């Protein structure tokens, strides 16, 4: 298990070598990292703060909510964010595991209403993806191992949706509501 974690860390370090620093006048002090991948035929270039797609969660009446690249403090103020290789995650649709997050008092304030089997739709410029909720749990900071509880238990091409817990209040505990999802439909 530890060897796998070390390999993942090494792969992420290699992925960071593909990151270059640019300028982002539009977003002021937001990080301006770019990442390009061609894994599995996906070509993605994302600059921190850029809108890179849309997310829809019918069970929560979320429809075509903008999806921003990288969950920085500034980007999370805008809404739902997708993490990338800088945080140890993959781009949606790329082999590996992806993560999306948002504040618990805004877009994801009702995330606890999701049930196993509910659909999540993500539209990117390179295709539309459908995920299904496979597991819902609370990650307890200080008690659970994040790598083991979240990352290692998401299947390849899977998705973790994460927000602070409890919902609708400022979180000082570090606990997270985690929704694990399985990829159900590839772009056609």
C-alpha atoms as a PDB file:
ATOM      1  CA  UNK A   1       0.000   0.000   0.000  1.00  0.00           C
ATOM      2  CA  UNK A   2       2.776   2.446   0.926  1.00  0.00           C
ATOM      3  CA  UNK A   3       4.623   1.610  -2.303  1.00  0.00           C
ATOM      4  CA  UNK A   4       1.544   2.612  -4.288  1.00  0.00           C
ATOM      5  CA  UNK A   5       1.391   5.926  -2.420  1.00  0.00           C
ATOM      6  CA  UNK A   6       5.080   6.568  -3.136  1.00  0.00           C
ATOM      7  CA  UNK A   7       4.531   5.772  -6.810  1.00  0.00           C
ATOM      8  CA  UNK A   8       1.564   8.183  -6.901  1.00  0.00           C
ATOM      9  CA  UNK A   9       3.668  10.913  -5.318  1.00  0.00           C
ATOM     10  CA  UNK A  10       6.432  10.304  -7.859  1.00  0.00           C
ATOM     11  CA  UNK A  11       3.936  10.409 -10.747  1.00  0.00           C
ATOM     12  CA  UNK A  12       2.521  13.683  -9.403  1.00  0.00           C
ATOM     13  CA  UNK A  13       6.017  15.164  -9.208  1.00  0.00           C
ATOM     14  CA  UNK A  14       6.537  14.192 -12.837  1.00  0.00           C
ATOM     15  CA  UNK A  15       3.173  15.745 -13.714  1.00  0.00           C
ATOM     16  CA  UNK A  16       4.236  18.976 -12.040  1.00  0.00           C
ATOM     17  CA  UNK A  17       7.133  19.173 -14.468  1.00  0.00           C
ATOM     18  CA  UNK A  18       4.453  19.824 -17.131  1.00  0.00           C
ATOM     19  CA  UNK A  19       3.270  22.867 -15.149  1.00  0.00           C
ATOM     20  CA  UNK A  20       4.456  26.261 -16.287  1.00  0.00           C
ATOM     21  CA  UNK A  21       3.874  29.663 -14.781  1.00  0.00           C
ATOM     22  CA  UNK A  22       2.003  32.209 -16.859  1.00  0.00           C
ATOM     23  CA  UNK A  23       0.221  35.484 -16.284  1.00  0.00           C
ATOM     24  CA  UNK A  24      -3.441  35.934 -15.480  1.00  0.00           C
ATOM     25  CA  UNK A  25      -4.492  39.568 -15.558  1.00  0.00           C
ATOM     26  CA  UNK A  26      -8.168  38.582 -15.471  1.00  0.00           C
ATOM     27  CA  UNK A  27      -7.935  36.936 -12.050  1.00  0.00           C
ATOM     28  CA  UNK A  28      -5.395  39.196 -10.357  1.00  0.00           C
ATOM     29  CA  UNK A  29      -3.580  37.276  -7.625  1.00  0.00           C
ATOM     30  CA  UNK A  30      -5.044  33.854  -8.491  1.00  0.00           C
ATOM     31  CA  UNK A  31      -2.445  31.236  -9.325  1.00  0.00           C
ATOM     32  CA  UNK A  32      -1.871  30.970 -13.057  1.00  0.00           C
ATOM     33  CA  UNK A  33      -0.662  27.439 -13.606  1.00  0.00           C
ATOM     34  CA  UNK A  34      -1.227  25.570 -16.821  1.00  0.00           C
ATOM     35  CA  UNK A  35      -1.416  21.834 -17.305  1.00  0.00           C
ATOM     36  CA  UNK A  36      -1.574  19.946 -20.563  1.00  0.00           C
ATOM     37  CA  UNK A  37      -2.262  16.242 -20.966  1.00  0.00           C
ATOM     38  CA  UNK A  38      -2.831  13.921 -23.839  1.00  0.00           C
ATOM     39  CA  UNK A  39      -3.599  10.829 -21.754  1.00  0.00           C
ATOM     40  CA  UNK A  40      -6.426   8.815 -23.268  1.00  0.00           C
ATOM     41  CA  UNK A  41      -6.837  11.260 -26.149  1.00  0.00           C
ATOM     42  CA  UNK A  42      -7.737  14.184 -23.859  1.00  0.00           C
ATOM     43  CA  UNK A  43      -6.027  17.466 -24.555  1.00  0.00           C
ATOM     44  CA  UNK A  44      -6.639  19.889 -21.684  1.00  0.00           C
ATOM     45  CA  UNK A  45      -5.119  23.254 -20.915  1.00  0.00           C
ATOM     46  CA  UNK A  46      -6.355  24.912 -17.770  1.00  0.00           C
ATOM     47  CA  UNK A  47      -5.345  28.154 -16.148  1.00  0.00           C
ATOM     48  CA  UNK A  48      -6.209  28.646 -12.498  1.00  0.00           C
ATOM     49  CA  UNK A  49      -9.525  30.445 -12.225  1.00  0.00           C
ATOM     50  CA  UNK A  50     -10.609  29.719 -15.784  1.00  0.00           C
ATOM     51  CA  UNK A  51     -14.044  28.270 -16.426  1.00  0.00           C
ATOM     52  CA  UNK A  52     -13.283  24.818 -17.849  1.00  0.00           C
ATOM     53  CA  UNK A  53     -16.696  23.191 -17.973  1.00  0.00           C
ATOM     54  CA  UNK A  54     -20.117  22.807 -16.406  1.00  0.00           C
ATOM     55  CA  UNK A  55     -21.538  20.524 -13.723  1.00  0.00           C
ATOM     56  CA  UNK A  56     -25.171  19.451 -13.367  1.00  0.00           C
ATOM     57  CA  UNK A  57     -26.620  17.499 -10.434  1.00  0.00           C
ATOM     58  CA  UNK A  58     -30.336  16.975 -11.155  1.00  0.00           C
ATOM     59  CA  UNK A  59     -31.119  15.613  -7.653  1.00  0.00           C
ATOM     60  CA  UNK A  60     -29.970  18.960  -6.187  1.00  0.00           C
ATOM     61  CA  UNK A  61     -31.470  21.152  -8.945  1.00  0.00           C
ATOM     62  CA  UNK A  62     -27.963  22.214  -9.992  1.00  0.00           C
ATOM     63  CA  UNK A  63     -27.930  22.791 -13.746  1.00  0.00           C
ATOM     64  CA  UNK A  64     -24.956  23.914 -15.840  1.00  0.00           C
ATOM     65  CA  UNK A  65     -23.095  25.396 -12.876  1.00  0.00           C
ATOM     66  CA  UNK A  66     -19.704  26.749 -14.050  1.00  0.00           C
ATOM     67  CA  UNK A  67     -16.724  24.554 -13.180  1.00  0.00           C
ATOM     68  CA  UNK A  68     -13.473  26.412 -12.444  1.00  0.00           C
ATOM     69  CA  UNK A  69      -9.932  25.071 -12.514  1.00  0.00           C
ATOM     70  CA  UNK A  70      -8.121  24.576  -9.194  1.00  0.00           C
ATOM     71  CA  UNK A  71      -9.730  24.987  -5.767  1.00  0.00           C
ATOM     72  CA  UNK A  72      -7.833  28.054  -4.554  1.00  0.00           C
ATOM     73  CA  UNK A  73      -9.398  30.403  -2.019  1.00  0.00           C
ATOM     74  CA  UNK A  74     -10.272  32.904  -4.764  1.00  0.00           C
ATOM     75  CA  UNK A  75     -11.627  30.265  -7.151  1.00  0.00           C
ATOM     76  CA  UNK A  76     -13.828  28.657  -4.476  1.00  0.00           C
ATOM     77  CA  UNK A  77     -15.441  32.079  -3.929  1.00  0.00           C
ATOM     78  CA  UNK A  78     -16.625  31.830  -7.552  1.00  0.00           C
ATOM     79  CA  UNK A  79     -18.145  28.371  -7.169  1.00  0.00           C
ATOM     80  CA  UNK A  80     -17.441  24.721  -7.981  1.00  0.00           C
ATOM     81  CA  UNK A  81     -13.776  23.859  -8.696  1.00  0.00           C
ATOM     82  CA  UNK A  82     -11.982  20.869 -10.184  1.00  0.00           C
ATOM     83  CA  UNK A  83      -8.605  19.983  -8.721  1.00  0.00           C
ATOM     84  CA  UNK A  84      -5.789  18.892 -11.012  1.00  0.00           C
ATOM     85  CA  UNK A  85      -2.357  17.276 -10.961  1.00  0.00           C
ATOM     86  CA  UNK A  86      -1.101  20.105  -8.738  1.00  0.00           C
ATOM     87  CA  UNK A  87      -3.253  18.618  -5.956  1.00  0.00           C
ATOM     88  CA  UNK A  88      -2.618  14.970  -6.832  1.00  0.00           C
ATOM     89  CA  UNK A  89      -5.796  14.488  -8.906  1.00  0.00           C
ATOM     90  CA  UNK A  90      -6.520  13.918 -12.587  1.00  0.00           C
ATOM     91  CA  UNK A  91      -8.590  15.858 -15.077  1.00  0.00           C
ATOM     92  CA  UNK A  92     -12.158  14.505 -15.467  1.00  0.00           C
ATOM     93  CA  UNK A  93     -12.019  11.696 -18.030  1.00  0.00           C
ATOM     94  CA  UNK A  94      -8.292  11.136 -17.655  1.00  0.00           C
ATOM     95  CA  UNK A  95      -7.129   7.770 -16.287  1.00  0.00           C
ATOM     96  CA  UNK A  96      -6.905   8.189 -12.551  1.00  0.00           C
ATOM     97  CA  UNK A  97      -9.144   9.855  -9.999  1.00  0.00           C
ATOM     98  CA  UNK A  98     -10.725  13.302 -10.197  1.00  0.00           C
ATOM     99  CA  UNK A  99     -11.957  15.650  -7.467  1.00  0.00           C
ATOM    100  CA  UNK A 100     -14.464  18.490  -7.468  1.00  0.00           C
ATOM    101  CA  UNK A 101     -15.126  20.737  -4.490  1.00  0.00           C
ATOM    102  CA  UNK A 102     -17.158  23.792  -3.478  1.00  0.00           C
ATOM    103  CA  UNK A 103     -18.094  25.648  -0.323  1.00  0.00           C
ATOM    104  CA  UNK A 104     -20.625  23.975   1.964  1.00  0.00           C
ATOM    105  CA  UNK A 105     -22.766  27.100   2.262  1.00  0.00           C
ATOM    106  CA  UNK A 106     -23.112  27.808  -1.456  1.00  0.00           C
ATOM    107  CA  UNK A 107     -23.280  25.376  -4.398  1.00  0.00           C
ATOM    108  CA  UNK A 108     -22.864  22.279  -2.207  1.00  0.00           C
ATOM    109  CA  UNK A 109     -25.021  23.370   0.749  1.00  0.00           C
ATOM    110  CA  UNK A 110     -27.432  20.457   0.086  1.00  0.00           C
ATOM    111  CA  UNK A 111     -24.850  17.846  -0.961  1.00  0.00           C
ATOM    112  CA  UNK A 112     -26.026  15.546   1.839  1.00  0.00           C
ATOM    113  CA  UNK A 113     -29.321  15.063  -0.054  1.00  0.00           C
ATOM    114  CA  UNK A 114     -27.594  12.945  -2.722  1.00  0.00           C
ATOM    115  CA  UNK A 115     -28.283   9.206  -2.680  1.00  0.00           C
ATOM    116  CA  UNK A 116     -26.476   6.220  -4.133  1.00  0.00           C
ATOM    117  CA  UNK A 117     -27.292   5.969  -7.826  1.00  0.00           C
ATOM    118  CA  UNK A 118     -27.902   9.715  -8.363  1.00  0.00           C
ATOM    119  CA  UNK A 119     -26.319  11.106 -11.532  1.00  0.00           C
ATOM    120  CA  UNK A 120     -23.718  13.852 -11.852  1.00  0.00           C
ATOM    121  CA  UNK A 121     -23.068  15.278 -15.327  1.00  0.00           C
ATOM    122  CA  UNK A 122     -19.860  17.077 -16.236  1.00  0.00           C
ATOM    123  CA  UNK A 123     -19.427  18.818 -19.584  1.00  0.00           C
ATOM    124  CA  UNK A 124     -15.898  19.622 -20.701  1.00  0.00           C
ATOM    125  CA  UNK A 125     -14.752  20.947 -24.078  1.00  0.00           C
ATOM    126  CA  UNK A 126     -13.566  17.442 -24.968  1.00  0.00           C
ATOM    127  CA  UNK A 127     -16.770  15.628 -23.993  1.00  0.00           C
ATOM    128  CA  UNK A 128     -19.677  15.050 -21.626  1.00  0.00           C
ATOM    129  CA  UNK A 129     -19.377  12.580 -18.749  1.00  0.00           C
ATOM    130  CA  UNK A 130     -21.966  10.948 -16.517  1.00  0.00           C
ATOM    131  CA  UNK A 131     -21.048   9.739 -13.045  1.00  0.00           C
ATOM    132  CA  UNK A 132     -23.232   7.877 -10.532  1.00  0.00           C
ATOM    133  CA  UNK A 133     -22.986   8.230  -6.767  1.00  0.00           C
ATOM    134  CA  UNK A 134     -21.524   5.001  -5.377  1.00  0.00           C
ATOM    135  CA  UNK A 135     -20.708   5.942  -1.769  1.00  0.00           C
ATOM    136  CA  UNK A 136     -21.355   8.774   0.694  1.00  0.00           C
ATOM    137  CA  UNK A 137     -19.421   9.260   3.901  1.00  0.00           C
ATOM    138  CA  UNK A 138     -17.974  11.768   6.352  1.00  0.00           C
ATOM    139  CA  UNK A 139     -14.185  12.044   6.493  1.00  0.00           C
ATOM    140  CA  UNK A 140     -13.246  12.834  10.102  1.00  0.00           C
ATOM    141  CA  UNK A 141     -10.125  14.974  10.309  1.00  0.00           C
ATOM    142  CA  UNK A 142      -7.667  13.568  12.814  1.00  0.00           C
ATOM    143  CA  UNK A 143      -9.330  10.139  12.793  1.00  0.00           C
ATOM    144  CA  UNK A 144      -9.339   9.053   9.146  1.00  0.00           C
ATOM    145  CA  UNK A 145      -6.442   8.783   6.701  1.00  0.00           C
ATOM    146  CA  UNK A 146      -7.333  11.021   3.699  1.00  0.00           C
ATOM    147  CA  UNK A 147      -5.317   8.929   1.229  1.00  0.00           C
ATOM    148  CA  UNK A 148      -6.892   5.698   2.387  1.00  0.00           C
ATOM    149  CA  UNK A 149     -10.410   7.018   3.020  1.00  0.00           C
ATOM    150  CA  UNK A 150     -10.770   9.032  -0.178  1.00  0.00           C
ATOM    151  CA  UNK A 151      -8.123   8.677  -2.852  1.00  0.00           C
ATOM    152  CA  UNK A 152      -7.393   4.951  -2.665  1.00  0.00           C
ATOM    153  CA  UNK A 153     -11.089   4.032  -2.531  1.00  0.00           C
ATOM    154  CA  UNK A 154     -12.086   5.839  -5.724  1.00  0.00           C
ATOM    155  CA  UNK A 155     -11.889   3.690  -8.807  1.00  0.00           C
ATOM    156  CA  UNK A 156      -9.872   4.779 -11.818  1.00  0.00           C
ATOM    157  CA  UNK A 157     -11.869   7.271 -13.866  1.00  0.00           C
ATOM    158  CA  UNK A 158     -13.834   7.881 -10.669  1.00  0.00           C
ATOM    159  CA  UNK A 159     -14.791  11.173  -9.079  1.00  0.00           C
ATOM    160  CA  UNK A 160     -14.768  12.512  -5.523  1.00  0.00           C
ATOM    161  CA  UNK A 161     -17.068  15.406  -4.711  1.00  0.00           C
ATOM    162  CA  UNK A 162     -15.947  17.095  -1.496  1.00  0.00           C
ATOM    163  CA  UNK A 163     -17.179  19.889   0.754  1.00  0.00           C
ATOM    164  CA  UNK A 164     -16.680  20.900   4.382  1.00  0.00           C
ATOM    165  CA  UNK A 165     -18.865  19.245   6.997  1.00  0.00           C
ATOM    166  CA  UNK A 166     -21.194  20.037   8.702  1.00  0.00           C
ATOM    167  CA  UNK A 167     -23.009  21.808   5.891  1.00  0.00           C
ATOM    168  CA  UNK A 168     -24.139  25.449   5.905  1.00  0.00           C
ATOM    169  CA  UNK A 169     -21.710  26.660   8.543  1.00  0.00           C
ATOM    170  CA  UNK A 170     -18.105  27.736   8.697  1.00  0.00           C
ATOM    171  CA  UNK A 171     -15.967  24.661   9.249  1.00  0.00           C
ATOM    172  CA  UNK A 172     -13.188  24.722  11.782  1.00  0.00           C
ATOM    173  CA  UNK A 173     -13.020  20.953  12.308  1.00  0.00           C
ATOM    174  CA  UNK A 174     -11.467  19.871   8.985  1.00  0.00           C
ATOM    175  CA  UNK A 175     -14.207  17.243   8.531  1.00  0.00           C
ATOM    176  CA  UNK A 176     -15.460  16.685   4.960  1.00  0.00           C
ATOM    177  CA  UNK A 177     -18.546  15.247   3.314  1.00  0.00           C
ATOM    178  CA  UNK A 178     -17.253  13.006   0.522  1.00  0.00           C
ATOM    179  CA  UNK A 179     -19.331  11.663  -2.346  1.00  0.00           C
ATOM    180  CA  UNK A 180     -17.583   8.921  -4.330  1.00  0.00           C
ATOM    181  CA  UNK A 181     -18.783   8.462  -7.907  1.00  0.00           C
ATOM    182  CA  UNK A 182     -18.217   5.927 -10.672  1.00  0.00           C
ATOM    183  CA  UNK A 183     -17.969   6.852 -14.337  1.00  0.00           C
ATOM    184  CA  UNK A 184     -21.063   5.556 -16.154  1.00  0.00           C
ATOM    185  CA  UNK A 185     -20.877   7.197 -19.571  1.00  0.00           C
ATOM    186  CA  UNK A 186     -17.940   8.226 -21.737  1.00  0.00           C
ATOM    187  CA  UNK A 187     -18.276  10.955 -24.305  1.00  0.00           C
ATOM    188  CA  UNK A 188     -19.731   9.689 -27.566  1.00  0.00           C
END
